[in-house]
C-alpha atoms as a PDB file:
ATOM      1  CA  UNK A   1     114.120 -99.672 163.207  1.00  0.00           C
ATOM      2  CA  UNK A   2     116.235-101.021 166.548  1.00  0.00           C
ATOM      3  CA  UNK A   3     114.229-103.557 168.587  1.00  0.00           C
ATOM      4  CA  UNK A   4     116.417-104.445 171.210  1.00  0.00           C
ATOM      5  CA  UNK A   5     119.944-105.394 171.597  1.00  0.00           C
ATOM      6  CA  UNK A   6     121.428-105.775 167.942  1.00  0.00           C
ATOM      7  CA  UNK A   7     118.191-107.228 166.531  1.00  0.00           C
ATOM      8  CA  UNK A   8     116.540-104.147 163.917  1.00  0.00           C
ATOM      9  CA  UNK A   9     114.135-104.935 160.957  1.00  0.00           C
ATOM     10  CA  UNK A  10     115.195-103.285 157.843  1.00  0.00           C
ATOM     11  CA  UNK A  11     111.579-102.544 156.235  1.00  0.00           C
ATOM     12  CA  UNK A  12     109.873-101.833 159.217  1.00  0.00           C
ATOM     13  CA  UNK A  13     106.869-100.552 157.023  1.00  0.00           C
ATOM     14  CA  UNK A  14     106.115-104.600 156.192  1.00  0.00           C
ATOM     15  CA  UNK A  15     104.766-104.375 159.782  1.00  0.00           C
ATOM     16  CA  UNK A  16     101.137-102.839 158.876  1.00  0.00           C
ATOM     17  CA  UNK A  17     100.527-105.818 157.110  1.00  0.00           C
ATOM     18  CA  UNK A  18      99.532-107.667 160.597  1.00  0.00           C
ATOM     19  CA  UNK A  19      96.928-105.716 161.172  1.00  0.00           C
ATOM     20  CA  UNK A  20      95.102-108.197 158.219  1.00  0.00           C
ATOM     21  CA  UNK A  21      94.807-110.753 160.820  1.00  0.00           C
ATOM     22  CA  UNK A  22      92.526-109.770 163.253  1.00  0.00           C
ATOM     23  CA  UNK A  23      90.485-108.805 159.688  1.00  0.00           C
ATOM     24  CA  UNK A  24      91.235-112.236 158.202  1.00  0.00           C
ATOM     25  CA  UNK A  25      90.267-113.706 161.553  1.00  0.00           C
ATOM     26  CA  UNK A  26      87.148-111.980 162.279  1.00  0.00           C
ATOM     27  CA  UNK A  27      86.365-113.119 158.668  1.00  0.00           C
ATOM     28  CA  UNK A  28      86.263-116.495 158.842  1.00  0.00           C
ATOM     29  CA  UNK A  29      84.847-116.221 162.360  1.00  0.00           C
ATOM     30  CA  UNK A  30      81.829-115.250 160.258  1.00  0.00           C
ATOM     31  CA  UNK A  31      81.757-117.252 157.143  1.00  0.00           C
ATOM     32  CA  UNK A  32      83.271-120.777 158.133  1.00  0.00           C
ATOM     33  CA  UNK A  33      79.157-121.629 158.906  1.00  0.00           C
ATOM     34  CA  UNK A  34      78.948-121.300 154.844  1.00  0.00           C
ATOM     35  CA  UNK A  35      81.599-123.592 154.017  1.00  0.00           C
ATOM     36  CA  UNK A  36      79.218-126.103 153.958  1.00  0.00           C
ATOM     37  CA  UNK A  37      75.762-127.299 152.909  1.00  0.00           C
ATOM     38  CA  UNK A  38      73.348-127.603 155.681  1.00  0.00           C
ATOM     39  CA  UNK A  39      70.599-129.776 156.276  1.00  0.00           C
ATOM     40  CA  UNK A  40      67.258-129.413 157.700  1.00  0.00           C
ATOM     41  CA  UNK A  41      65.573-132.479 159.762  1.00  0.00           C
ATOM     42  CA  UNK A  42      63.223-133.036 162.911  1.00  0.00           C
ATOM     43  CA  UNK A  43      65.362-134.277 165.108  1.00  0.00           C
ATOM     44  CA  UNK A  44      69.571-135.405 165.412  1.00  0.00           C
ATOM     45  CA  UNK A  45      68.954-138.120 168.382  1.00  0.00           C
ATOM     46  CA  UNK A  46      70.129-140.972 165.725  1.00  0.00           C
ATOM     47  CA  UNK A  47      72.794-139.488 164.663  1.00  0.00           C
ATOM     48  CA  UNK A  48      76.244-139.590 166.154  1.00  0.00           C
ATOM     49  CA  UNK A  49      77.988-137.278 168.350  1.00  0.00           C
ATOM     50  CA  UNK A  50      80.241-134.891 165.568  1.00  0.00           C
ATOM     51  CA  UNK A  51      83.724-135.892 165.264  1.00  0.00           C
ATOM     52  CA  UNK A  52      87.117-134.880 166.427  1.00  0.00           C
ATOM     53  CA  UNK A  53      87.987-133.757 163.616  1.00  0.00           C
ATOM     54  CA  UNK A  54      85.106-132.078 162.201  1.00  0.00           C
ATOM     55  CA  UNK A  55      86.020-129.975 165.801  1.00  0.00           C
ATOM     56  CA  UNK A  56      89.657-129.157 164.771  1.00  0.00           C
ATOM     57  CA  UNK A  57      89.099-127.772 161.300  1.00  0.00           C
ATOM     58  CA  UNK A  58      89.318-124.313 161.961  1.00  0.00           C
ATOM     59  CA  UNK A  59      93.394-124.958 162.925  1.00  0.00           C
ATOM     60  CA  UNK A  60      94.028-124.970 158.907  1.00  0.00           C
ATOM     61  CA  UNK A  61      92.908-121.971 159.595  1.00  0.00           C
ATOM     62  CA  UNK A  62      95.527-120.654 162.223  1.00  0.00           C
ATOM     63  CA  UNK A  63      98.094-122.455 160.658  1.00  0.00           C
ATOM     64  CA  UNK A  64      97.554-120.077 157.425  1.00  0.00           C
ATOM     65  CA  UNK A  65      97.068-117.339 159.049  1.00  0.00           C
ATOM     66  CA  UNK A  66     100.529-118.644 161.183  1.00  0.00           C
ATOM     67  CA  UNK A  67     102.211-118.857 158.018  1.00  0.00           C
ATOM     68  CA  UNK A  68     100.961-115.883 156.977  1.00  0.00           C
ATOM     69  CA  UNK A  69     102.771-113.926 160.421  1.00  0.00           C
ATOM     70  CA  UNK A  70     106.068-115.864 159.510  1.00  0.00           C
ATOM     71  CA  UNK A  71     105.574-114.703 155.766  1.00  0.00           C
ATOM     72  CA  UNK A  72     105.603-110.740 156.766  1.00  0.00           C
ATOM     73  CA  UNK A  73     107.624-110.806 159.747  1.00  0.00           C
ATOM     74  CA  UNK A  74     110.359-111.823 156.374  1.00  0.00           C
ATOM     75  CA  UNK A  75     109.226-109.057 154.851  1.00  0.00           C
ATOM     76  CA  UNK A  76     110.155-106.772 157.205  1.00  0.00           C
ATOM     77  CA  UNK A  77     113.380-108.190 156.826  1.00  0.00           C
ATOM     78  CA  UNK A  78     115.096-108.614 160.714  1.00  0.00           C
ATOM     79  CA  UNK A  79     118.981-108.617 160.988  1.00  0.00           C
ATOM     80  CA  UNK A  80     121.424-109.263 163.633  1.00  0.00           C
ATOM     81  CA  UNK A  81     123.814-105.922 163.544  1.00  0.00           C
ATOM     82  CA  UNK A  82     127.485-106.250 165.105  1.00  0.00           C
ATOM     83  CA  UNK A  83     129.059-103.099 165.145  1.00  0.00           C
ATOM     84  CA  UNK A  84     132.941-102.543 165.745  1.00  0.00           C
ATOM     85  CA  UNK A  85     134.663 -99.255 166.310  1.00  0.00           C
ATOM     86  CA  UNK A  86     137.948 -98.061 165.770  1.00  0.00           C
ATOM     87  CA  UNK A  87     139.357 -94.004 166.152  1.00  0.00           C
ATOM     88  CA  UNK A  88     142.743 -93.003 164.881  1.00  0.00           C
ATOM     89  CA  UNK A  89     143.548 -88.962 166.301  1.00  0.00           C
ATOM     90  CA  UNK A  90     144.348 -87.010 162.522  1.00  0.00           C
ATOM     91  CA  UNK A  91     145.584 -83.950 164.683  1.00  0.00           C
ATOM     92  CA  UNK A  92     146.764 -84.164 168.243  1.00  0.00           C
ATOM     93  CA  UNK A  93     147.445 -80.664 169.348  1.00  0.00           C
ATOM     94  CA  UNK A  94     150.789 -80.166 171.586  1.00  0.00           C
ATOM     95  CA  UNK A  95     150.169 -77.796 174.395  1.00  0.00           C
ATOM     96  CA  UNK A  96     152.710 -76.300 176.841  1.00  0.00           C
ATOM     97  CA  UNK A  97     151.119 -74.973 180.321  1.00  0.00           C
ATOM     98  CA  UNK A  98     153.415 -71.326 181.460  1.00  0.00           C
ATOM     99  CA  UNK A  99     152.405 -70.905 185.311  1.00  0.00           C
ATOM    100  CA  UNK A 100     153.716 -68.321 187.700  1.00  0.00           C
ATOM    101  CA  UNK A 101     154.809 -70.150 190.990  1.00  0.00           C
ATOM    102  CA  UNK A 102     156.050 -66.393 193.244  1.00  0.00           C
ATOM    103  CA  UNK A 103     155.076 -66.109 196.660  1.00  0.00           C
ATOM    104  CA  UNK A 104     151.482 -64.315 195.163  1.00  0.00           C
ATOM    105  CA  UNK A 105     149.884 -67.723 194.147  1.00  0.00           C
ATOM    106  CA  UNK A 106     149.811 -68.501 198.128  1.00  0.00           C
ATOM    107  CA  UNK A 107     147.276 -66.105 198.195  1.00  0.00           C
ATOM    108  CA  UNK A 108     143.854 -66.787 199.777  1.00  0.00           C
ATOM    109  CA  UNK A 109     141.232 -65.433 197.912  1.00  0.00           C
ATOM    110  CA  UNK A 110     141.073 -69.117 195.950  1.00  0.00           C
ATOM    111  CA  UNK A 111     140.383 -72.580 198.036  1.00  0.00           C
ATOM    112  CA  UNK A 112     143.188 -72.935 200.247  1.00  0.00           C
ATOM    113  CA  UNK A 113     145.750 -71.235 197.920  1.00  0.00           C
ATOM    114  CA  UNK A 114     145.733 -69.580 194.164  1.00  0.00           C
ATOM    115  CA  UNK A 115     148.641 -72.612 193.608  1.00  0.00           C
ATOM    116  CA  UNK A 116     146.539 -76.084 195.077  1.00  0.00           C
ATOM    117  CA  UNK A 117     143.727 -74.902 193.357  1.00  0.00           C
ATOM    118  CA  UNK A 118     145.267 -74.203 189.733  1.00  0.00           C
ATOM    119  CA  UNK A 119     147.258 -77.865 190.129  1.00  0.00           C
ATOM    120  CA  UNK A 120     143.323 -79.994 190.626  1.00  0.00           C
ATOM    121  CA  UNK A 121     142.257 -77.845 188.132  1.00  0.00           C
ATOM    122  CA  UNK A 122     145.055 -78.657 185.822  1.00  0.00           C
ATOM    123  CA  UNK A 123     145.543 -82.120 186.940  1.00  0.00           C
ATOM    124  CA  UNK A 124     142.282 -83.144 185.831  1.00  0.00           C
ATOM    125  CA  UNK A 125     142.611 -80.479 182.505  1.00  0.00           C
ATOM    126  CA  UNK A 126     145.525 -83.261 181.610  1.00  0.00           C
ATOM    127  CA  UNK A 127     143.497 -86.511 182.353  1.00  0.00           C
ATOM    128  CA  UNK A 128     140.627 -84.668 179.335  1.00  0.00           C
ATOM    129  CA  UNK A 129     143.462 -84.480 176.700  1.00  0.00           C
ATOM    130  CA  UNK A 130     144.662 -88.311 176.567  1.00  0.00           C
ATOM    131  CA  UNK A 131     145.436 -87.808 172.978  1.00  0.00           C
ATOM    132  CA  UNK A 132     147.627 -84.767 172.748  1.00  0.00           C
ATOM    133  CA  UNK A 133     151.119 -84.129 174.378  1.00  0.00           C
ATOM    134  CA  UNK A 134     151.326 -81.779 177.384  1.00  0.00           C
ATOM    135  CA  UNK A 135     154.522 -79.629 178.942  1.00  0.00           C
ATOM    136  CA  UNK A 136     155.111 -77.011 181.773  1.00  0.00           C
ATOM    137  CA  UNK A 137     156.603 -74.845 181.422  1.00  0.00           C
ATOM    138  CA  UNK A 138     157.093 -72.708 185.334  1.00  0.00           C
ATOM    139  CA  UNK A 139     158.062 -69.263 185.871  1.00  0.00           C
ATOM    140  CA  UNK A 140     158.842 -66.377 188.755  1.00  0.00           C
ATOM    141  CA  UNK A 141     161.551 -63.531 188.729  1.00  0.00           C
ATOM    142  CA  UNK A 142     162.870 -66.508 185.870  1.00  0.00           C
ATOM    143  CA  UNK A 143     162.034 -69.330 184.529  1.00  0.00           C
ATOM    144  CA  UNK A 144     162.767 -73.490 183.567  1.00  0.00           C
ATOM    145  CA  UNK A 145     160.947 -75.945 181.419  1.00  0.00           C
ATOM    146  CA  UNK A 146     159.716 -78.671 184.069  1.00  0.00           C
ATOM    147  CA  UNK A 147     158.689 -81.151 181.694  1.00  0.00           C
ATOM    148  CA  UNK A 148     158.762 -81.302 178.208  1.00  0.00           C
ATOM    149  CA  UNK A 149     156.517 -82.438 175.232  1.00  0.00           C
ATOM    150  CA  UNK A 150     155.563 -85.220 176.278  1.00  0.00           C
ATOM    151  CA  UNK A 151     152.357 -87.897 175.663  1.00  0.00           C
ATOM    152  CA  UNK A 152     153.010 -90.006 179.187  1.00  0.00           C
ATOM    153  CA  UNK A 153     150.521 -87.957 181.213  1.00  0.00           C
ATOM    154  CA  UNK A 154     152.256 -89.846 184.786  1.00  0.00           C
ATOM    155  CA  UNK A 155     154.979 -87.264 184.306  1.00  0.00           C
ATOM    156  CA  UNK A 156     153.547 -84.432 183.212  1.00  0.00           C
ATOM    157  CA  UNK A 157     150.256 -84.960 186.442  1.00  0.00           C
ATOM    158  CA  UNK A 158     153.384 -85.511 189.078  1.00  0.00           C
ATOM    159  CA  UNK A 159     155.556 -82.882 187.204  1.00  0.00           C
ATOM    160  CA  UNK A 160     152.078 -80.376 188.118  1.00  0.00           C
ATOM    161  CA  UNK A 161     152.028 -81.927 191.579  1.00  0.00           C
ATOM    162  CA  UNK A 162     155.469 -80.697 192.571  1.00  0.00           C
ATOM    163  CA  UNK A 163     154.864 -77.398 191.637  1.00  0.00           C
ATOM    164  CA  UNK A 164     155.528 -75.418 194.319  1.00  0.00           C
ATOM    165  CA  UNK A 165     156.814 -71.835 195.266  1.00  0.00           C
ATOM    166  CA  UNK A 166     160.547 -70.422 195.746  1.00  0.00           C
ATOM    167  CA  UNK A 167     162.510 -73.392 193.695  1.00  0.00           C
ATOM    168  CA  UNK A 168     163.148 -69.312 191.598  1.00  0.00           C
ATOM    169  CA  UNK A 169     164.169 -66.051 192.106  1.00  0.00           C
ATOM    170  CA  UNK A 170     161.334 -63.704 193.410  1.00  0.00           C
ATOM    171  CA  UNK A 171     159.279 -61.788 191.038  1.00  0.00           C
ATOM    172  CA  UNK A 172     157.319 -61.717 188.129  1.00  0.00           C
ATOM    173  CA  UNK A 173     158.210 -62.417 184.401  1.00  0.00           C
ATOM    174  CA  UNK A 174     155.923 -63.101 182.034  1.00  0.00           C
ATOM    175  CA  UNK A 175     157.902 -62.440 179.083  1.00  0.00           C
ATOM    176  CA  UNK A 176     160.549 -65.214 180.341  1.00  0.00           C
ATOM    177  CA  UNK A 177     157.830 -67.258 181.276  1.00  0.00           C
ATOM    178  CA  UNK A 178     156.234 -67.079 177.439  1.00  0.00           C
ATOM    179  CA  UNK A 179     159.486 -66.793 176.282  1.00  0.00           C
ATOM    180  CA  UNK A 180     160.191 -70.794 177.371  1.00  0.00           C
ATOM    181  CA  UNK A 181     156.951 -71.815 176.248  1.00  0.00           C
ATOM    182  CA  UNK A 182     157.401 -70.669 172.631  1.00  0.00           C
ATOM    183  CA  UNK A 183     160.860 -72.114 172.740  1.00  0.00           C
ATOM    184  CA  UNK A 184     159.599 -75.520 173.822  1.00  0.00           C
ATOM    185  CA  UNK A 185     156.734 -75.360 171.160  1.00  0.00           C
ATOM    186  CA  UNK A 186     159.698 -73.715 168.137  1.00  0.00           C
ATOM    187  CA  UNK A 187     160.312 -77.059 166.863  1.00  0.00           C
ATOM    188  CA  UNK A 188     156.479 -79.142 166.849  1.00  0.00           C
ATOM    189  CA  UNK A 189     155.726 -80.471 163.638  1.00  0.00           C
ATOM    190  CA  UNK A 190     152.493 -80.478 164.969  1.00  0.00           C
ATOM    191  CA  UNK A 191     149.583 -78.515 163.402  1.00  0.00           C
ATOM    192  CA  UNK A 192     148.315 -77.226 166.336  1.00  0.00           C
ATOM    193  CA  UNK A 193     150.385 -75.293 168.874  1.00  0.00           C
ATOM    194  CA  UNK A 194     148.937 -74.114 172.318  1.00  0.00           C
ATOM    195  CA  UNK A 195     150.257 -72.440 175.015  1.00  0.00           C
ATOM    196  CA  UNK A 196     148.399 -71.511 178.175  1.00  0.00           C
ATOM    197  CA  UNK A 197     149.958 -68.788 180.380  1.00  0.00           C
ATOM    198  CA  UNK A 198     148.235 -68.252 183.636  1.00  0.00           C
ATOM    199  CA  UNK A 199     149.800 -65.638 186.390  1.00  0.00           C
ATOM    200  CA  UNK A 200     148.404 -63.135 189.484  1.00  0.00           C
ATOM    201  CA  UNK A 201     150.587 -60.027 188.842  1.00  0.00           C
ATOM    202  CA  UNK A 202     152.776 -57.717 186.565  1.00  0.00           C
ATOM    203  CA  UNK A 203     154.855 -58.258 184.711  1.00  0.00           C
ATOM    204  CA  UNK A 204     158.485 -57.002 187.120  1.00  0.00           C
ATOM    205  CA  UNK A 205     161.692 -59.194 186.951  1.00  0.00           C
ATOM    206  CA  UNK A 206     162.973 -60.677 183.357  1.00  0.00           C
ATOM    207  CA  UNK A 207     165.139 -59.502 180.222  1.00  0.00           C
ATOM    208  CA  UNK A 208     162.909 -60.291 177.576  1.00  0.00           C
ATOM    209  CA  UNK A 209     159.895 -58.412 176.501  1.00  0.00           C
ATOM    210  CA  UNK A 210     156.105 -60.166 176.361  1.00  0.00           C
ATOM    211  CA  UNK A 211     155.761 -57.937 174.145  1.00  0.00           C
ATOM    212  CA  UNK A 212     158.961 -59.948 171.995  1.00  0.00           C
ATOM    213  CA  UNK A 213     157.590 -63.296 172.947  1.00  0.00           C
ATOM    214  CA  UNK A 214     154.137 -62.438 171.825  1.00  0.00           C
ATOM    215  CA  UNK A 215     155.414 -61.461 168.657  1.00  0.00           C
ATOM    216  CA  UNK A 216     158.213 -64.975 168.108  1.00  0.00           C
ATOM    217  CA  UNK A 217     154.832 -66.411 169.581  1.00  0.00           C
ATOM    218  CA  UNK A 218     152.796 -65.216 166.810  1.00  0.00           C
ATOM    219  CA  UNK A 219     155.279 -66.191 164.023  1.00  0.00           C
ATOM    220  CA  UNK A 220     155.280 -69.632 164.434  1.00  0.00           C
ATOM    221  CA  UNK A 221     151.292 -69.978 165.036  1.00  0.00           C
ATOM    222  CA  UNK A 222     151.300 -70.770 167.874  1.00  0.00           C
ATOM    223  CA  UNK A 223     148.004 -69.537 169.942  1.00  0.00           C
ATOM    224  CA  UNK A 224     147.935 -68.409 173.224  1.00  0.00           C
ATOM    225  CA  UNK A 225     145.475 -68.495 175.782  1.00  0.00           C
ATOM    226  CA  UNK A 226     145.685 -66.391 178.708  1.00  0.00           C
ATOM    227  CA  UNK A 227     144.672 -66.317 183.143  1.00  0.00           C
ATOM    228  CA  UNK A 228     144.355 -63.904 185.320  1.00  0.00           C
ATOM    229  CA  UNK A 229     143.980 -65.332 188.013  1.00  0.00           C
ATOM    230  CA  UNK A 230     142.304 -63.102 191.343  1.00  0.00           C
ATOM    231  CA  UNK A 231     139.935 -61.818 193.281  1.00  0.00           C
ATOM    232  CA  UNK A 232     138.923 -58.121 192.236  1.00  0.00           C
ATOM    233  CA  UNK A 233     139.762 -56.195 195.243  1.00  0.00           C
ATOM    234  CA  UNK A 234     142.121 -57.601 197.982  1.00  0.00           C
ATOM    235  CA  UNK A 235     143.273 -60.424 199.498  1.00  0.00           C
ATOM    236  CA  UNK A 236     145.558 -61.925 202.210  1.00  0.00           C
ATOM    237  CA  UNK A 237     149.351 -61.946 200.389  1.00  0.00           C
ATOM    238  CA  UNK A 238     152.651 -63.627 201.861  1.00  0.00           C
ATOM    239  CA  UNK A 239     154.669 -60.746 203.419  1.00  0.00           C
ATOM    240  CA  UNK A 240     156.730 -62.410 206.085  1.00  0.00           C
ATOM    241  CA  UNK A 241     157.965 -64.746 208.060  1.00  0.00           C
ATOM    242  CA  UNK A 242     157.602 -64.899 211.850  1.00  0.00           C
ATOM    243  CA  UNK A 243     160.067 -66.112 214.036  1.00  0.00           C
ATOM    244  CA  UNK A 244     159.425 -70.132 213.393  1.00  0.00           C
ATOM    245  CA  UNK A 245     159.742 -69.616 210.002  1.00  0.00           C
ATOM    246  CA  UNK A 246     155.959 -69.904 209.251  1.00  0.00           C
ATOM    247  CA  UNK A 247     153.870 -66.607 206.617  1.00  0.00           C
ATOM    248  CA  UNK A 248     152.786 -63.792 207.870  1.00  0.00           C
ATOM    249  CA  UNK A 249     149.096 -63.283 205.527  1.00  0.00           C
ATOM    250  CA  UNK A 250     148.281 -59.378 205.322  1.00  0.00           C
ATOM    251  CA  UNK A 251     145.711 -58.328 203.375  1.00  0.00           C
ATOM    252  CA  UNK A 252     146.615 -56.406 199.952  1.00  0.00           C
ATOM    253  CA  UNK A 253     145.324 -54.874 196.453  1.00  0.00           C
ATOM    254  CA  UNK A 254     144.983 -57.455 193.950  1.00  0.00           C
ATOM    255  CA  UNK A 255     146.913 -56.313 190.725  1.00  0.00           C
ATOM    256  CA  UNK A 256     146.690 -58.367 187.249  1.00  0.00           C
ATOM    257  CA  UNK A 257     148.088 -56.853 184.363  1.00  0.00           C
ATOM    258  CA  UNK A 258     145.102 -57.483 182.578  1.00  0.00           C
ATOM    259  CA  UNK A 259     145.783 -55.360 179.185  1.00  0.00           C
ATOM    260  CA  UNK A 260     149.054 -57.157 178.945  1.00  0.00           C
ATOM    261  CA  UNK A 261     147.296 -60.400 178.980  1.00  0.00           C
ATOM    262  CA  UNK A 262     144.608 -59.360 177.168  1.00  0.00           C
ATOM    263  CA  UNK A 263     146.902 -57.145 174.178  1.00  0.00           C
ATOM    264  CA  UNK A 264     149.074 -61.489 174.204  1.00  0.00           C
ATOM    265  CA  UNK A 265     145.666 -63.204 173.609  1.00  0.00           C
ATOM    266  CA  UNK A 266     144.717 -61.389 170.995  1.00  0.00           C
ATOM    267  CA  UNK A 267     147.784 -60.870 169.229  1.00  0.00           C
ATOM    268  CA  UNK A 268     148.388 -64.732 168.630  1.00  0.00           C
ATOM    269  CA  UNK A 269     144.452 -65.469 167.473  1.00  0.00           C
ATOM    270  CA  UNK A 270     143.860 -66.580 171.699  1.00  0.00           C
ATOM    271  CA  UNK A 271     141.692 -65.119 174.335  1.00  0.00           C
ATOM    272  CA  UNK A 272     141.848 -63.512 177.879  1.00  0.00           C
ATOM    273  CA  UNK A 273     140.169 -65.054 180.667  1.00  0.00           C
ATOM    274  CA  UNK A 274     139.558 -63.354 184.551  1.00  0.00           C
ATOM    275  CA  UNK A 275     139.963 -66.423 187.069  1.00  0.00           C
ATOM    276  CA  UNK A 276     137.941 -64.799 190.878  1.00  0.00           C
ATOM    277  CA  UNK A 277     137.491 -68.090 192.387  1.00  0.00           C
ATOM    278  CA  UNK A 278     137.526 -72.280 191.996  1.00  0.00           C
ATOM    279  CA  UNK A 279     134.924 -72.239 190.281  1.00  0.00           C
ATOM    280  CA  UNK A 280     135.519 -69.109 187.334  1.00  0.00           C
ATOM    281  CA  UNK A 281     139.462 -70.938 187.361  1.00  0.00           C
ATOM    282  CA  UNK A 282     137.539 -74.718 186.293  1.00  0.00           C
ATOM    283  CA  UNK A 283     135.116 -73.024 183.921  1.00  0.00           C
ATOM    284  CA  UNK A 284     138.082 -71.372 182.202  1.00  0.00           C
ATOM    285  CA  UNK A 285     140.141 -74.556 181.916  1.00  0.00           C
ATOM    286  CA  UNK A 286     136.476 -76.678 180.611  1.00  0.00           C
ATOM    287  CA  UNK A 287     136.591 -73.294 178.311  1.00  0.00           C
ATOM    288  CA  UNK A 288     139.714 -74.261 176.297  1.00  0.00           C
ATOM    289  CA  UNK A 289     139.617 -77.796 176.859  1.00  0.00           C
ATOM    290  CA  UNK A 290     136.024 -77.778 174.360  1.00  0.00           C
ATOM    291  CA  UNK A 291     138.177 -74.877 172.246  1.00  0.00           C
ATOM    292  CA  UNK A 292     140.640 -76.935 171.648  1.00  0.00           C
ATOM    293  CA  UNK A 293     139.408 -79.824 170.184  1.00  0.00           C
ATOM    294  CA  UNK A 294     142.003 -82.546 168.757  1.00  0.00           C
ATOM    295  CA  UNK A 295     140.752 -84.103 165.993  1.00  0.00           C
ATOM    296  CA  UNK A 296     139.690 -87.839 165.606  1.00  0.00           C
ATOM    297  CA  UNK A 297     138.886 -90.094 162.981  1.00  0.00           C
ATOM    298  CA  UNK A 298     136.218 -92.850 163.241  1.00  0.00           C
ATOM    299  CA  UNK A 299     136.370 -96.338 161.189  1.00  0.00           C
ATOM    300  CA  UNK A 300     133.308 -98.607 161.796  1.00  0.00           C
ATOM    301  CA  UNK A 301     132.490-101.546 160.569  1.00  0.00           C
ATOM    302  CA  UNK A 302     129.032-103.700 160.171  1.00  0.00           C
ATOM    303  CA  UNK A 303     128.394-107.167 160.329  1.00  0.00           C
ATOM    304  CA  UNK A 304     125.095-108.461 158.914  1.00  0.00           C
ATOM    305  CA  UNK A 305     123.937-111.185 159.839  1.00  0.00           C
ATOM    306  CA  UNK A 306     120.413-112.073 157.780  1.00  0.00           C
ATOM    307  CA  UNK A 307     117.396-113.587 159.979  1.00  0.00           C
ATOM    308  CA  UNK A 308     114.177-113.794 157.861  1.00  0.00           C
ATOM    309  CA  UNK A 309     115.903-117.016 155.722  1.00  0.00           C
ATOM    310  CA  UNK A 310     114.029-119.489 158.597  1.00  0.00           C
ATOM    311  CA  UNK A 311     110.443-117.425 158.742  1.00  0.00           C
ATOM    312  CA  UNK A 312     110.220-117.749 154.795  1.00  0.00           C
ATOM    313  CA  UNK A 313     110.916-121.576 155.272  1.00  0.00           C
ATOM    314  CA  UNK A 314     108.407-121.654 158.807  1.00  0.00           C
ATOM    315  CA  UNK A 315     106.341-119.926 156.618  1.00  0.00           C
ATOM    316  CA  UNK A 316     106.470-122.061 153.920  1.00  0.00           C
ATOM    317  CA  UNK A 317     106.509-124.796 155.977  1.00  0.00           C
ATOM    318  CA  UNK A 318     103.067-124.142 157.565  1.00  0.00           C
ATOM    319  CA  UNK A 319     101.259-123.539 154.509  1.00  0.00           C
ATOM    320  CA  UNK A 320     102.660-127.002 153.107  1.00  0.00           C
ATOM    321  CA  UNK A 321     101.397-128.799 156.017  1.00  0.00           C
ATOM    322  CA  UNK A 322      97.938-126.818 156.048  1.00  0.00           C
ATOM    323  CA  UNK A 323      97.607-128.072 151.870  1.00  0.00           C
ATOM    324  CA  UNK A 324      98.447-131.671 153.137  1.00  0.00           C
ATOM    325  CA  UNK A 325      96.279-131.702 156.147  1.00  0.00           C
ATOM    326  CA  UNK A 326      93.486-130.544 153.725  1.00  0.00           C
ATOM    327  CA  UNK A 327      93.690-133.052 151.236  1.00  0.00           C
ATOM    328  CA  UNK A 328      94.252-136.180 153.700  1.00  0.00           C
ATOM    329  CA  UNK A 329      93.004-136.041 157.368  1.00  0.00           C
ATOM    330  CA  UNK A 330      90.464-133.071 156.752  1.00  0.00           C
ATOM    331  CA  UNK A 331      89.441-133.809 153.351  1.00  0.00           C
ATOM    332  CA  UNK A 332      86.031-135.477 153.661  1.00  0.00           C
ATOM    333  CA  UNK A 333      85.193-132.088 155.242  1.00  0.00           C
ATOM    334  CA  UNK A 334      86.320-129.962 152.993  1.00  0.00           C
END
């Protein structure tokens, strides 16, 4: 039974004995007049006033009740508990985020655009994985590893901040993006290996077939979560530049190869998601974060300091003190 701070009672059931205290007090109040003989006389004018000691005699019973209270509390066994905790990561996860950075990621169906919305969510995801190693692979018409798998979250976060379209040739090479991510994880010793593949289009370039890359991931026991990012219907896409070099946006239909993304996820025992807005994208990464839990072993060490001994000594002292007073100072009144 928890009291306050670190103090607890091991045997709180003994506290029910405190119900005896008021009953004993009531009993004493009604029977205390019967513990002395009475004498009926016509007048007490010739007697002195009752002595102070006679008036203090009930204090003996109070001492006895206090002693009983102390012993009851001692039987409840109060003790102070100090808990120290030590955690140990028993199985970290190696995660590679394969991110599409083609020009279509500038579409404005997510705020302010798909790429910037992804950066915010991806950084939050990284911050929630303190015990895992994470790497970044980017792809468009080709692919490359932007950040190797590392436990240094500062490097990963800086890499996400630097994500920018136009660093690679145009197109969407889903197969190459997945293949590069698999290549990063092939030598991993982790018991759990995960790829989060995000794209907003269809595979239209690259020399690695997505299904071939999927088979490689499957053979290496790599789980792939696929995310199709983009609203249903149409969105503002960059289509050209004006004479000042600024991008020109026009409404275009959103095309995502969901059949391929579902195939990749199903074959690798992962899961496919569709992010149609900022809130959905955030909830997807939250769900992946919950699905891929790092095993953490927690050790708790308890240090107990028993507090019943002083109460036993106090109860014993009160009993002895009451007996001493009863057979010395109050002897003539017993």
